[in-house]
């Protein structure tokens, strides 16, 4: 039995449908992969920001106790200048709770 034109078209249609389904499945897998990578990067960024803010709070606390070396005080000034320009909301919160210490640091004593 020889394939007719109609039988060939049905076979081609089946292959096209199967190919489309495979592409849709692969697209979903690729999208899930990139979504996972994006969320992982975001989580890492949030953790880094939180640790950085904790470091600044710790340095301010140590500054208030008078146990920071001149080099550490200089680093703290740099961190405060950076935060003041990059994360003004966090800087404002720091200033509200540590106004006197931050004022001393920024004025150079």
PDB file of N, CA and C in Angstrom:
ATOM      1  N   UNK A   1       0.830  -1.159   0.000  1.00  0.00           N
ATOM      2  CA  UNK A   1       0.000   0.000   0.000  1.00  0.00           C
ATOM      3  C   UNK A   1       0.891   1.244   0.000  1.00  0.00           C
ATOM      4  N   UNK A   2       0.692   2.060  -0.970  1.00  0.00           N
ATOM      5  CA  UNK A   2       1.477   3.292  -1.117  1.00  0.00           C
ATOM      6  C   UNK A   2       0.813   4.419  -0.337  1.00  0.00           C
ATOM      7  N   UNK A   3       1.679   5.269   0.300  1.00  0.00           N
ATOM      8  CA  UNK A   3       1.082   6.399   1.014  1.00  0.00           C
ATOM      9  C   UNK A   3       0.490   7.396   0.033  1.00  0.00           C
ATOM     10  N   UNK A   4      -0.640   7.867   0.370  1.00  0.00           N
ATOM     11  CA  UNK A   4      -1.284   8.880  -0.460  1.00  0.00           C
ATOM     12  C   UNK A   4      -0.889  10.251   0.037  1.00  0.00           C
ATOM     13  N   UNK A   5      -1.239  11.256  -0.717  1.00  0.00           N
ATOM     14  CA  UNK A   5      -0.919  12.629  -0.325  1.00  0.00           C
ATOM     15  C   UNK A   5      -1.595  12.965   1.001  1.00  0.00           C
ATOM     16  N   UNK A   6      -2.813  12.469   1.186  1.00  0.00           N
ATOM     17  CA  UNK A   6      -3.537  12.769   2.416  1.00  0.00           C
ATOM     18  C   UNK A   6      -2.872  12.089   3.619  1.00  0.00           C
ATOM     19  N   UNK A   7      -2.422  10.856   3.442  1.00  0.00           N
ATOM     20  CA  UNK A   7      -1.745  10.142   4.520  1.00  0.00           C
ATOM     21  C   UNK A   7      -0.437  10.839   4.883  1.00  0.00           C
ATOM     22  N   UNK A   8       0.299  11.334   3.896  1.00  0.00           N
ATOM     23  CA  UNK A   8       1.548  12.037   4.142  1.00  0.00           C
ATOM     24  C   UNK A   8       1.297  13.324   4.915  1.00  0.00           C
ATOM     25  N   UNK A   9       0.231  14.034   4.580  1.00  0.00           N
ATOM     26  CA  UNK A   9      -0.093  15.273   5.282  1.00  0.00           C
ATOM     27  C   UNK A   9      -0.453  14.991   6.740  1.00  0.00           C
ATOM     28  N   UNK A  10      -1.153  13.896   6.992  1.00  0.00           N
ATOM     29  CA  UNK A  10      -1.512  13.537   8.360  1.00  0.00           C
ATOM     30  C   UNK A  10      -0.241  13.237   9.152  1.00  0.00           C
ATOM     31  N   UNK A  11       0.699  12.499   8.541  1.00  0.00           N
ATOM     32  CA  UNK A  11       1.962  12.193   9.220  1.00  0.00           C
ATOM     33  C   UNK A  11       2.759  13.464   9.493  1.00  0.00           C
ATOM     34  N   UNK A  12       2.797  14.379   8.540  1.00  0.00           N
ATOM     35  CA  UNK A  12       3.510  15.640   8.730  1.00  0.00           C
ATOM     36  C   UNK A  12       2.838  16.448   9.834  1.00  0.00           C
ATOM     37  N   UNK A  13       1.521  16.483   9.847  1.00  0.00           N
ATOM     38  CA  UNK A  13       0.793  17.197  10.892  1.00  0.00           C
ATOM     39  C   UNK A  13       1.081  16.630  12.265  1.00  0.00           C
ATOM     40  N   UNK A  14       1.192  15.316  12.363  1.00  0.00           N
ATOM     41  CA  UNK A  14       1.507  14.667  13.631  1.00  0.00           C
ATOM     42  C   UNK A  14       2.902  15.069  14.095  1.00  0.00           C
ATOM     43  N   UNK A  15       3.847  15.092  13.168  1.00  0.00           N
ATOM     44  CA  UNK A  15       5.220  15.468  13.497  1.00  0.00           C
ATOM     45  C   UNK A  15       5.301  16.944  13.915  1.00  0.00           C
ATOM     46  N   UNK A  16       4.568  17.798  13.219  1.00  0.00           N
ATOM     47  CA  UNK A  16       4.575  19.217  13.549  1.00  0.00           C
ATOM     48  C   UNK A  16       3.998  19.425  14.949  1.00  0.00           C
ATOM     49  N   UNK A  17       2.906  18.739  15.244  1.00  0.00           N
ATOM     50  CA  UNK A  17       2.291  18.856  16.568  1.00  0.00           C
ATOM     51  C   UNK A  17       3.248  18.346  17.653  1.00  0.00           C
ATOM     52  N   UNK A  18       3.889  17.234  17.400  1.00  0.00           N
ATOM     53  CA  UNK A  18       4.844  16.683  18.367  1.00  0.00           C
ATOM     54  C   UNK A  18       6.020  17.639  18.556  1.00  0.00           C
ATOM     55  N   UNK A  19       6.515  18.198  17.470  1.00  0.00           N
ATOM     56  CA  UNK A  19       7.624  19.151  17.548  1.00  0.00           C
ATOM     57  C   UNK A  19       7.242  20.384  18.341  1.00  0.00           C
ATOM     58  N   UNK A  20       6.028  20.872  18.106  1.00  0.00           N
ATOM     59  CA  UNK A  20       5.534  22.041  18.845  1.00  0.00           C
ATOM     60  C   UNK A  20       5.452  21.734  20.340  1.00  0.00           C
ATOM     61  N   UNK A  21       4.955  20.570  20.687  1.00  0.00           N
ATOM     62  CA  UNK A  21       4.846  20.178  22.092  1.00  0.00           C
ATOM     63  C   UNK A  21       6.218  20.070  22.757  1.00  0.00           C
ATOM     64  N   UNK A  22       7.176  19.546  22.011  1.00  0.00           N
ATOM     65  CA  UNK A  22       8.535  19.439  22.541  1.00  0.00           C
ATOM     66  C   UNK A  22       9.118  20.825  22.770  1.00  0.00           C
ATOM     67  N   UNK A  23       8.934  21.744  21.827  1.00  0.00           N
ATOM     68  CA  UNK A  23       9.447  23.105  21.980  1.00  0.00           C
ATOM     69  C   UNK A  23       8.806  23.825  23.159  1.00  0.00           C
ATOM     70  N   UNK A  24       7.517  23.640  23.338  1.00  0.00           N
ATOM     71  CA  UNK A  24       6.832  24.258  24.472  1.00  0.00           C
ATOM     72  C   UNK A  24       7.385  23.703  25.785  1.00  0.00           C
ATOM     73  N   UNK A  25       7.604  22.401  25.841  1.00  0.00           N
ATOM     74  CA  UNK A  25       8.168  21.783  27.043  1.00  0.00           C
ATOM     75  C   UNK A  25       9.573  22.282  27.333  1.00  0.00           C
ATOM     76  N   UNK A  26      10.405  22.365  26.293  1.00  0.00           N
ATOM     77  CA  UNK A  26      11.765  22.873  26.472  1.00  0.00           C
ATOM     78  C   UNK A  26      11.756  24.332  26.910  1.00  0.00           C
ATOM     79  N   UNK A  27      10.850  25.108  26.355  1.00  0.00           N
ATOM     80  CA  UNK A  27      10.744  26.515  26.747  1.00  0.00           C
ATOM     81  C   UNK A  27      10.398  26.642  28.224  1.00  0.00           C
ATOM     82  N   UNK A  28       9.519  25.785  28.706  1.00  0.00           N
ATOM     83  CA  UNK A  28       9.150  25.808  30.121  1.00  0.00           C
ATOM     84  C   UNK A  28      10.342  25.447  30.997  1.00  0.00           C
ATOM     85  N   UNK A  29      11.126  24.478  30.579  1.00  0.00           N
ATOM     86  CA  UNK A  29      12.300  24.070  31.348  1.00  0.00           C
ATOM     87  C   UNK A  29      13.328  25.211  31.383  1.00  0.00           C
ATOM     88  N   UNK A  30      13.574  25.839  30.241  1.00  0.00           N
ATOM     89  CA  UNK A  30      14.519  26.951  30.172  1.00  0.00           C
ATOM     90  C   UNK A  30      14.031  28.118  31.034  1.00  0.00           C
ATOM     91  N   UNK A  31      12.747  28.432  30.967  1.00  0.00           N
ATOM     92  CA  UNK A  31      12.190  29.519  31.774  1.00  0.00           C
ATOM     93  C   UNK A  31      12.327  29.211  33.267  1.00  0.00           C
ATOM     94  N   UNK A  32      12.076  27.980  33.657  1.00  0.00           N
ATOM     95  CA  UNK A  32      12.213  27.592  35.070  1.00  0.00           C
ATOM     96  C   UNK A  32      13.666  27.711  35.525  1.00  0.00           C
ATOM     97  N   UNK A  33      14.595  27.323  34.665  1.00  0.00           N
ATOM     98  CA  UNK A  33      16.018  27.419  34.988  1.00  0.00           C
ATOM     99  C   UNK A  33      16.421  28.865  35.237  1.00  0.00           C
ATOM    100  N   UNK A  34      16.036  29.758  34.335  1.00  0.00           N
ATOM    101  CA  UNK A  34      16.405  31.163  34.498  1.00  0.00           C
ATOM    102  C   UNK A  34      15.672  31.823  35.665  1.00  0.00           C
ATOM    103  N   UNK A  35      14.469  31.409  35.941  1.00  0.00           N
ATOM    104  CA  UNK A  35      13.741  31.927  37.104  1.00  0.00           C
ATOM    105  C   UNK A  35      14.462  31.511  38.386  1.00  0.00           C
ATOM    106  N   UNK A  36      14.909  30.278  38.437  1.00  0.00           N
ATOM    107  CA  UNK A  36      15.643  29.795  39.610  1.00  0.00           C
ATOM    108  C   UNK A  36      16.935  30.575  39.799  1.00  0.00           C
ATOM    109  N   UNK A  37      17.670  30.777  38.717  1.00  0.00           N
ATOM    110  CA  UNK A  37      18.930  31.525  38.804  1.00  0.00           C
ATOM    111  C   UNK A  37      18.673  32.964  39.246  1.00  0.00           C
ATOM    112  N   UNK A  38      17.626  33.582  38.724  1.00  0.00           N
ATOM    113  CA  UNK A  38      17.303  34.953  39.105  1.00  0.00           C
ATOM    114  C   UNK A  38      16.929  35.063  40.571  1.00  0.00           C
ATOM    115  N   UNK A  39      16.126  34.144  41.046  1.00  0.00           N
ATOM    116  CA  UNK A  39      15.731  34.166  42.457  1.00  0.00           C
ATOM    117  C   UNK A  39      16.913  33.877  43.374  1.00  0.00           C
ATOM    118  N   UNK A  40      17.804  32.994  42.934  1.00  0.00           N
ATOM    119  CA  UNK A  40      18.998  32.704  43.730  1.00  0.00           C
ATOM    120  C   UNK A  40      19.886  33.944  43.836  1.00  0.00           C
ATOM    121  N   UNK A  41      20.057  34.658  42.736  1.00  0.00           N
ATOM    122  CA  UNK A  41      20.871  35.875  42.745  1.00  0.00           C
ATOM    123  C   UNK A  41      20.234  36.934  43.641  1.00  0.00           C
ATOM    124  N   UNK A  42      18.923  37.050  43.575  1.00  0.00           N
ATOM    125  CA  UNK A  42      18.205  38.026  44.395  1.00  0.00           C
ATOM    126  C   UNK A  42      18.374  37.703  45.883  1.00  0.00           C
ATOM    127  N   UNK A  43      18.236  36.416  46.228  1.00  0.00           N
ATOM    128  CA  UNK A  43      18.388  35.995  47.620  1.00  0.00           C
ATOM    129  C   UNK A  43      19.808  36.287  48.115  1.00  0.00           C
ATOM    130  N   UNK A  44      20.790  36.027  47.272  1.00  0.00           N
ATOM    131  CA  UNK A  44      22.184  36.289  47.642  1.00  0.00           C
ATOM    132  C   UNK A  44      22.417  37.790  47.850  1.00  0.00           C
ATOM    133  N   UNK A  45      21.820  38.602  46.988  1.00  0.00           N
ATOM    134  CA  UNK A  45      21.948  40.060  47.116  1.00  0.00           C
ATOM    135  C   UNK A  45      21.319  40.551  48.416  1.00  0.00           C
ATOM    136  N   UNK A  46      20.131  40.053  48.744  1.00  0.00           N
ATOM    137  CA  UNK A  46      19.468  40.463  49.984  1.00  0.00           C
ATOM    138  C   UNK A  46      20.287  40.068  51.205  1.00  0.00           C
ATOM    139  N   UNK A  47      20.859  38.870  51.170  1.00  0.00           N
ATOM    140  CA  UNK A  47      21.684  38.417  52.287  1.00  0.00           C
ATOM    141  C   UNK A  47      22.915  39.310  52.429  1.00  0.00           C
ATOM    142  N   UNK A  48      23.535  39.648  51.317  1.00  0.00           N
ATOM    143  CA  UNK A  48      24.710  40.517  51.349  1.00  0.00           C
ATOM    144  C   UNK A  48      24.394  41.895  51.890  1.00  0.00           C
ATOM    145  N   UNK A  49      23.260  42.454  51.473  1.00  0.00           N
ATOM    146  CA  UNK A  49      22.860  43.770  51.982  1.00  0.00           C
ATOM    147  C   UNK A  49      22.606  43.720  53.480  1.00  0.00           C
ATOM    148  N   UNK A  50      21.952  42.667  53.922  1.00  0.00           N
ATOM    149  CA  UNK A  50      21.651  42.530  55.348  1.00  0.00           C
ATOM    150  C   UNK A  50      22.939  42.424  56.160  1.00  0.00           C
ATOM    151  N   UNK A  51      23.886  41.629  55.671  1.00  0.00           N
ATOM    152  CA  UNK A  51      25.160  41.484  56.379  1.00  0.00           C
ATOM    153  C   UNK A  51      25.928  42.810  56.389  1.00  0.00           C
ATOM    154  N   UNK A  52      25.868  43.546  55.294  1.00  0.00           N
ATOM    155  CA  UNK A  52      26.561  44.837  55.213  1.00  0.00           C
ATOM    156  C   UNK A  52      25.969  45.824  56.213  1.00  0.00           C
ATOM    157  N   UNK A  53      24.646  45.866  56.291  1.00  0.00           N
ATOM    158  CA  UNK A  53      23.988  46.765  57.247  1.00  0.00           C
ATOM    159  C   UNK A  53      24.331  46.375  58.684  1.00  0.00           C
ATOM    160  N   UNK A  54      24.374  45.061  58.948  1.00  0.00           N
ATOM    161  CA  UNK A  54      24.746  44.597  60.288  1.00  0.00           C
ATOM    162  C   UNK A  54      26.182  45.002  60.623  1.00  0.00           C
ATOM    163  N   UNK A  55      27.059  44.940  59.625  1.00  0.00           N
ATOM    164  CA  UNK A  55      28.451  45.335  59.834  1.00  0.00           C
ATOM    165  C   UNK A  55      28.542  46.818  60.215  1.00  0.00           C
ATOM    166  N   UNK A  56      27.785  47.647  59.529  1.00  0.00           N
ATOM    167  CA  UNK A  56      27.800  49.084  59.832  1.00  0.00           C
ATOM    168  C   UNK A  56      27.252  49.333  61.233  1.00  0.00           C
ATOM    169  N   UNK A  57      26.165  48.658  61.581  1.00  0.00           N
ATOM    170  CA  UNK A  57      25.598  48.817  62.933  1.00  0.00           C
ATOM    171  C   UNK A  57      26.614  48.404  64.004  1.00  0.00           C
ATOM    172  N   UNK A  58      27.320  47.295  63.748  1.00  0.00           N
ATOM    173  CA  UNK A  58      28.322  46.825  64.693  1.00  0.00           C
ATOM    174  C   UNK A  58      29.454  47.848  64.828  1.00  0.00           C
ATOM    175  N   UNK A  59      29.919  48.384  63.704  1.00  0.00           N
ATOM    176  CA  UNK A  59      30.990  49.375  63.759  1.00  0.00           C
ATOM    177  C   UNK A  59      30.558  50.629  64.522  1.00  0.00           C
ATOM    178  N   UNK A  60      29.327  51.063  64.317  1.00  0.00           N
ATOM    179  CA  UNK A  60      28.834  52.235  65.060  1.00  0.00           C
ATOM    180  C   UNK A  60      28.777  51.925  66.554  1.00  0.00           C
ATOM    181  N   UNK A  61      28.318  50.738  66.894  1.00  0.00           N
ATOM    182  CA  UNK A  61      28.254  50.332  68.296  1.00  0.00           C
ATOM    183  C   UNK A  61      29.655  50.307  68.920  1.00  0.00           C
ATOM    184  N   UNK A  62      30.613  49.764  68.191  1.00  0.00           N
ATOM    185  CA  UNK A  62      31.987  49.723  68.697  1.00  0.00           C
ATOM    186  C   UNK A  62      32.578  51.130  68.786  1.00  0.00           C
ATOM    187  N   UNK A  63      32.199  51.997  67.839  1.00  0.00           N
ATOM    188  CA  UNK A  63      32.658  53.384  67.888  1.00  0.00           C
ATOM    189  C   UNK A  63      32.137  54.075  69.146  1.00  0.00           C
ATOM    190  N   UNK A  64      30.853  53.841  69.466  1.00  0.00           N
ATOM    191  CA  UNK A  64      30.262  54.444  70.667  1.00  0.00           C
ATOM    192  C   UNK A  64      30.999  53.992  71.929  1.00  0.00           C
ATOM    193  N   UNK A  65      31.476  52.743  71.930  1.00  0.00           N
ATOM    194  CA  UNK A  65      32.197  52.213  73.095  1.00  0.00           C
ATOM    195  C   UNK A  65      33.658  52.646  73.114  1.00  0.00           C
ATOM    196  N   UNK A  66      34.110  53.245  72.001  1.00  0.00           N
ATOM    197  CA  UNK A  66      35.473  53.746  71.948  1.00  0.00           C
ATOM    198  C   UNK A  66      36.536  52.696  71.699  1.00  0.00           C
ATOM    199  N   UNK A  67      36.165  51.603  71.073  1.00  0.00           N
ATOM    200  CA  UNK A  67      37.133  50.519  70.869  1.00  0.00           C
ATOM    201  C   UNK A  67      37.611  50.382  69.421  1.00  0.00           C
ATOM    202  N   UNK A  68      37.245  51.311  68.563  1.00  0.00           N
ATOM    203  CA  UNK A  68      37.685  51.243  67.168  1.00  0.00           C
ATOM    204  C   UNK A  68      39.031  51.940  66.990  1.00  0.00           C
ATOM    205  N   UNK A  69      39.880  51.332  66.176  1.00  0.00           N
ATOM    206  CA  UNK A  69      41.150  51.973  65.842  1.00  0.00           C
ATOM    207  C   UNK A  69      40.892  53.099  64.838  1.00  0.00           C
ATOM    208  N   UNK A  70      41.896  53.935  64.621  1.00  0.00           N
ATOM    209  CA  UNK A  70      41.746  55.029  63.648  1.00  0.00           C
ATOM    210  C   UNK A  70      41.445  54.490  62.250  1.00  0.00           C
ATOM    211  N   UNK A  71      42.056  53.373  61.899  1.00  0.00           N
ATOM    212  CA  UNK A  71      41.794  52.772  60.589  1.00  0.00           C
ATOM    213  C   UNK A  71      40.353  52.312  60.453  1.00  0.00           C
ATOM    214  N   UNK A  72      39.828  51.708  61.516  1.00  0.00           N
ATOM    215  CA  UNK A  72      38.433  51.254  61.499  1.00  0.00           C
ATOM    216  C   UNK A  72      37.462  52.429  61.471  1.00  0.00           C
ATOM    217  N   UNK A  73      37.818  53.506  62.161  1.00  0.00           N
ATOM    218  CA  UNK A  73      36.972  54.705  62.132  1.00  0.00           C
ATOM    219  C   UNK A  73      36.934  55.273  60.719  1.00  0.00           C
ATOM    220  N   UNK A  74      38.069  55.256  60.058  1.00  0.00           N
ATOM    221  CA  UNK A  74      38.131  55.729  58.677  1.00  0.00           C
ATOM    222  C   UNK A  74      37.263  54.863  57.763  1.00  0.00           C
ATOM    223  N   UNK A  75      37.327  53.551  57.968  1.00  0.00           N
ATOM    224  CA  UNK A  75      36.488  52.636  57.183  1.00  0.00           C
ATOM    225  C   UNK A  75      35.007  52.908  57.446  1.00  0.00           C
ATOM    226  N   UNK A  76      34.660  53.131  58.703  1.00  0.00           N
ATOM    227  CA  UNK A  76      33.265  53.415  59.059  1.00  0.00           C
ATOM    228  C   UNK A  76      32.795  54.692  58.374  1.00  0.00           C
ATOM    229  N   UNK A  77      33.639  55.703  58.344  1.00  0.00           N
ATOM    230  CA  UNK A  77      33.270  56.936  57.633  1.00  0.00           C
ATOM    231  C   UNK A  77      32.994  56.646  56.156  1.00  0.00           C
ATOM    232  N   UNK A  78      33.833  55.812  55.551  1.00  0.00           N
ATOM    233  CA  UNK A  78      33.627  55.444  54.151  1.00  0.00           C
ATOM    234  C   UNK A  78      32.322  54.700  53.937  1.00  0.00           C
ATOM    235  N   UNK A  79      32.031  53.760  54.838  1.00  0.00           N
ATOM    236  CA  UNK A  79      30.767  53.017  54.750  1.00  0.00           C
ATOM    237  C   UNK A  79      29.576  53.958  54.889  1.00  0.00           C
ATOM    238  N   UNK A  80      29.661  54.891  55.821  1.00  0.00           N
ATOM    239  CA  UNK A  80      28.555  55.837  56.026  1.00  0.00           C
ATOM    240  C   UNK A  80      28.362  56.734  54.803  1.00  0.00           C
ATOM    241  N   UNK A  81      29.466  57.176  54.205  1.00  0.00           N
ATOM    242  CA  UNK A  81      29.358  58.014  53.006  1.00  0.00           C
ATOM    243  C   UNK A  81      28.706  57.237  51.867  1.00  0.00           C
ATOM    244  N   UNK A  82      29.087  55.982  51.745  1.00  0.00           N
ATOM    245  CA  UNK A  82      28.502  55.132  50.692  1.00  0.00           C
ATOM    246  C   UNK A  82      27.008  54.946  50.930  1.00  0.00           C
ATOM    247  N   UNK A  83      26.647  54.578  52.150  1.00  0.00           N
ATOM    248  CA  UNK A  83      25.238  54.325  52.464  1.00  0.00           C
ATOM    249  C   UNK A  83      24.413  55.596  52.305  1.00  0.00           C
ATOM    250  N   UNK A  84      24.987  56.724  52.674  1.00  0.00           N
ATOM    251  CA  UNK A  84      24.271  57.997  52.565  1.00  0.00           C
ATOM    252  C   UNK A  84      23.856  58.267  51.123  1.00  0.00           C
ATOM    253  N   UNK A  85      24.704  57.905  50.174  1.00  0.00           N
ATOM    254  CA  UNK A  85      24.416  58.149  48.758  1.00  0.00           C
ATOM    255  C   UNK A  85      23.650  57.025  48.088  1.00  0.00           C
ATOM    256  N   UNK A  86      23.788  55.804  48.572  1.00  0.00           N
ATOM    257  CA  UNK A  86      23.186  54.665  47.884  1.00  0.00           C
ATOM    258  C   UNK A  86      21.876  54.207  48.518  1.00  0.00           C
ATOM    259  N   UNK A  87      21.818  54.196  49.838  1.00  0.00           N
ATOM    260  CA  UNK A  87      20.627  53.694  50.539  1.00  0.00           C
ATOM    261  C   UNK A  87      20.193  54.724  51.577  1.00  0.00           C
ATOM    262  N   UNK A  88      19.578  55.782  51.105  1.00  0.00           N
ATOM    263  CA  UNK A  88      19.232  56.901  51.988  1.00  0.00           C
ATOM    264  C   UNK A  88      18.229  56.508  53.073  1.00  0.00           C
ATOM    265  N   UNK A  89      17.363  55.548  52.798  1.00  0.00           N
ATOM    266  CA  UNK A  89      16.386  55.119  53.809  1.00  0.00           C
ATOM    267  C   UNK A  89      17.119  54.481  54.994  1.00  0.00           C
ATOM    268  N   UNK A  90      18.048  53.600  54.699  1.00  0.00           N
ATOM    269  CA  UNK A  90      18.829  52.962  55.761  1.00  0.00           C
ATOM    270  C   UNK A  90      19.666  54.000  56.504  1.00  0.00           C
ATOM    271  N   UNK A  91      20.262  54.929  55.769  1.00  0.00           N
ATOM    272  CA  UNK A  91      21.077  55.976  56.393  1.00  0.00           C
ATOM    273  C   UNK A  91      20.227  56.811  57.355  1.00  0.00           C
ATOM    274  N   UNK A  92      19.022  57.155  56.941  1.00  0.00           N
ATOM    275  CA  UNK A  92      18.130  57.941  57.800  1.00  0.00           C
ATOM    276  C   UNK A  92      17.809  57.176  59.078  1.00  0.00           C
ATOM    277  N   UNK A  93      17.556  55.870  58.951  1.00  0.00           N
ATOM    278  CA  UNK A  93      17.278  55.057  60.144  1.00  0.00           C
ATOM    279  C   UNK A  93      18.498  55.025  61.065  1.00  0.00           C
ATOM    280  N   UNK A  94      19.685  54.891  60.472  1.00  0.00           N
ATOM    281  CA  UNK A  94      20.909  54.916  61.280  1.00  0.00           C
ATOM    282  C   UNK A  94      21.044  56.250  61.991  1.00  0.00           C
ATOM    283  N   UNK A  95      20.788  57.315  61.255  1.00  0.00           N
ATOM    284  CA  UNK A  95      20.939  58.654  61.817  1.00  0.00           C
ATOM    285  C   UNK A  95      19.947  58.893  62.956  1.00  0.00           C
ATOM    286  N   UNK A  96      18.734  58.386  62.796  1.00  0.00           N
ATOM    287  CA  UNK A  96      17.727  58.569  63.841  1.00  0.00           C
ATOM    288  C   UNK A  96      18.150  57.909  65.148  1.00  0.00           C
ATOM    289  N   UNK A  97      18.784  56.752  65.045  1.00  0.00           N
ATOM    290  CA  UNK A  97      19.149  56.030  66.274  1.00  0.00           C
ATOM    291  C   UNK A  97      20.567  56.322  66.750  1.00  0.00           C
ATOM    292  N   UNK A  98      21.400  56.913  65.898  1.00  0.00           N
ATOM    293  CA  UNK A  98      22.810  57.157  66.259  1.00  0.00           C
ATOM    294  C   UNK A  98      23.254  58.549  65.840  1.00  0.00           C
ATOM    295  N   UNK A  99      22.385  59.525  66.005  1.00  0.00           N
ATOM    296  CA  UNK A  99      22.656  60.858  65.465  1.00  0.00           C
ATOM    297  C   UNK A  99      23.978  61.436  65.963  1.00  0.00           C
ATOM    298  N   UNK A 100      24.177  61.405  67.277  1.00  0.00           N
ATOM    299  CA  UNK A 100      25.375  62.026  67.858  1.00  0.00           C
ATOM    300  C   UNK A 100      26.652  61.375  67.315  1.00  0.00           C
ATOM    301  N   UNK A 101      26.686  60.055  67.289  1.00  0.00           N
ATOM    302  CA  UNK A 101      27.879  59.345  66.813  1.00  0.00           C
ATOM    303  C   UNK A 101      28.138  59.618  65.344  1.00  0.00           C
ATOM    304  N   UNK A 102      27.097  59.594  64.519  1.00  0.00           N
ATOM    305  CA  UNK A 102      27.271  59.831  63.083  1.00  0.00           C
ATOM    306  C   UNK A 102      27.696  61.269  62.836  1.00  0.00           C
ATOM    307  N   UNK A 103      27.134  62.197  63.589  1.00  0.00           N
ATOM    308  CA  UNK A 103      27.526  63.606  63.441  1.00  0.00           C
ATOM    309  C   UNK A 103      29.015  63.786  63.777  1.00  0.00           C
ATOM    310  N   UNK A 104      29.460  63.132  64.851  1.00  0.00           N
ATOM    311  CA  UNK A 104      30.886  63.205  65.219  1.00  0.00           C
ATOM    312  C   UNK A 104      31.765  62.614  64.101  1.00  0.00           C
ATOM    313  N   UNK A 105      31.341  61.481  63.557  1.00  0.00           N
ATOM    314  CA  UNK A 105      32.120  60.825  62.504  1.00  0.00           C
ATOM    315  C   UNK A 105      32.199  61.693  61.245  1.00  0.00           C
ATOM    316  N   UNK A 106      31.081  62.273  60.876  1.00  0.00           N
ATOM    317  CA  UNK A 106      31.055  63.074  59.646  1.00  0.00           C
ATOM    318  C   UNK A 106      31.786  64.405  59.806  1.00  0.00           C
ATOM    319  N   UNK A 107      31.774  64.950  61.013  1.00  0.00           N
ATOM    320  CA  UNK A 107      32.460  66.237  61.208  1.00  0.00           C
ATOM    321  C   UNK A 107      33.938  66.044  61.512  1.00  0.00           C
ATOM    322  N   UNK A 108      34.353  64.796  61.712  1.00  0.00           N
ATOM    323  CA  UNK A 108      35.771  64.533  61.999  1.00  0.00           C
ATOM    324  C   UNK A 108      36.129  64.848  63.424  1.00  0.00           C
ATOM    325  N   UNK A 109      35.167  64.717  64.329  1.00  0.00           N
ATOM    326  CA  UNK A 109      35.310  64.952  65.773  1.00  0.00           C
ATOM    327  C   UNK A 109      35.123  66.378  66.026  1.00  0.00           C
TER     328      UNK A 109
END
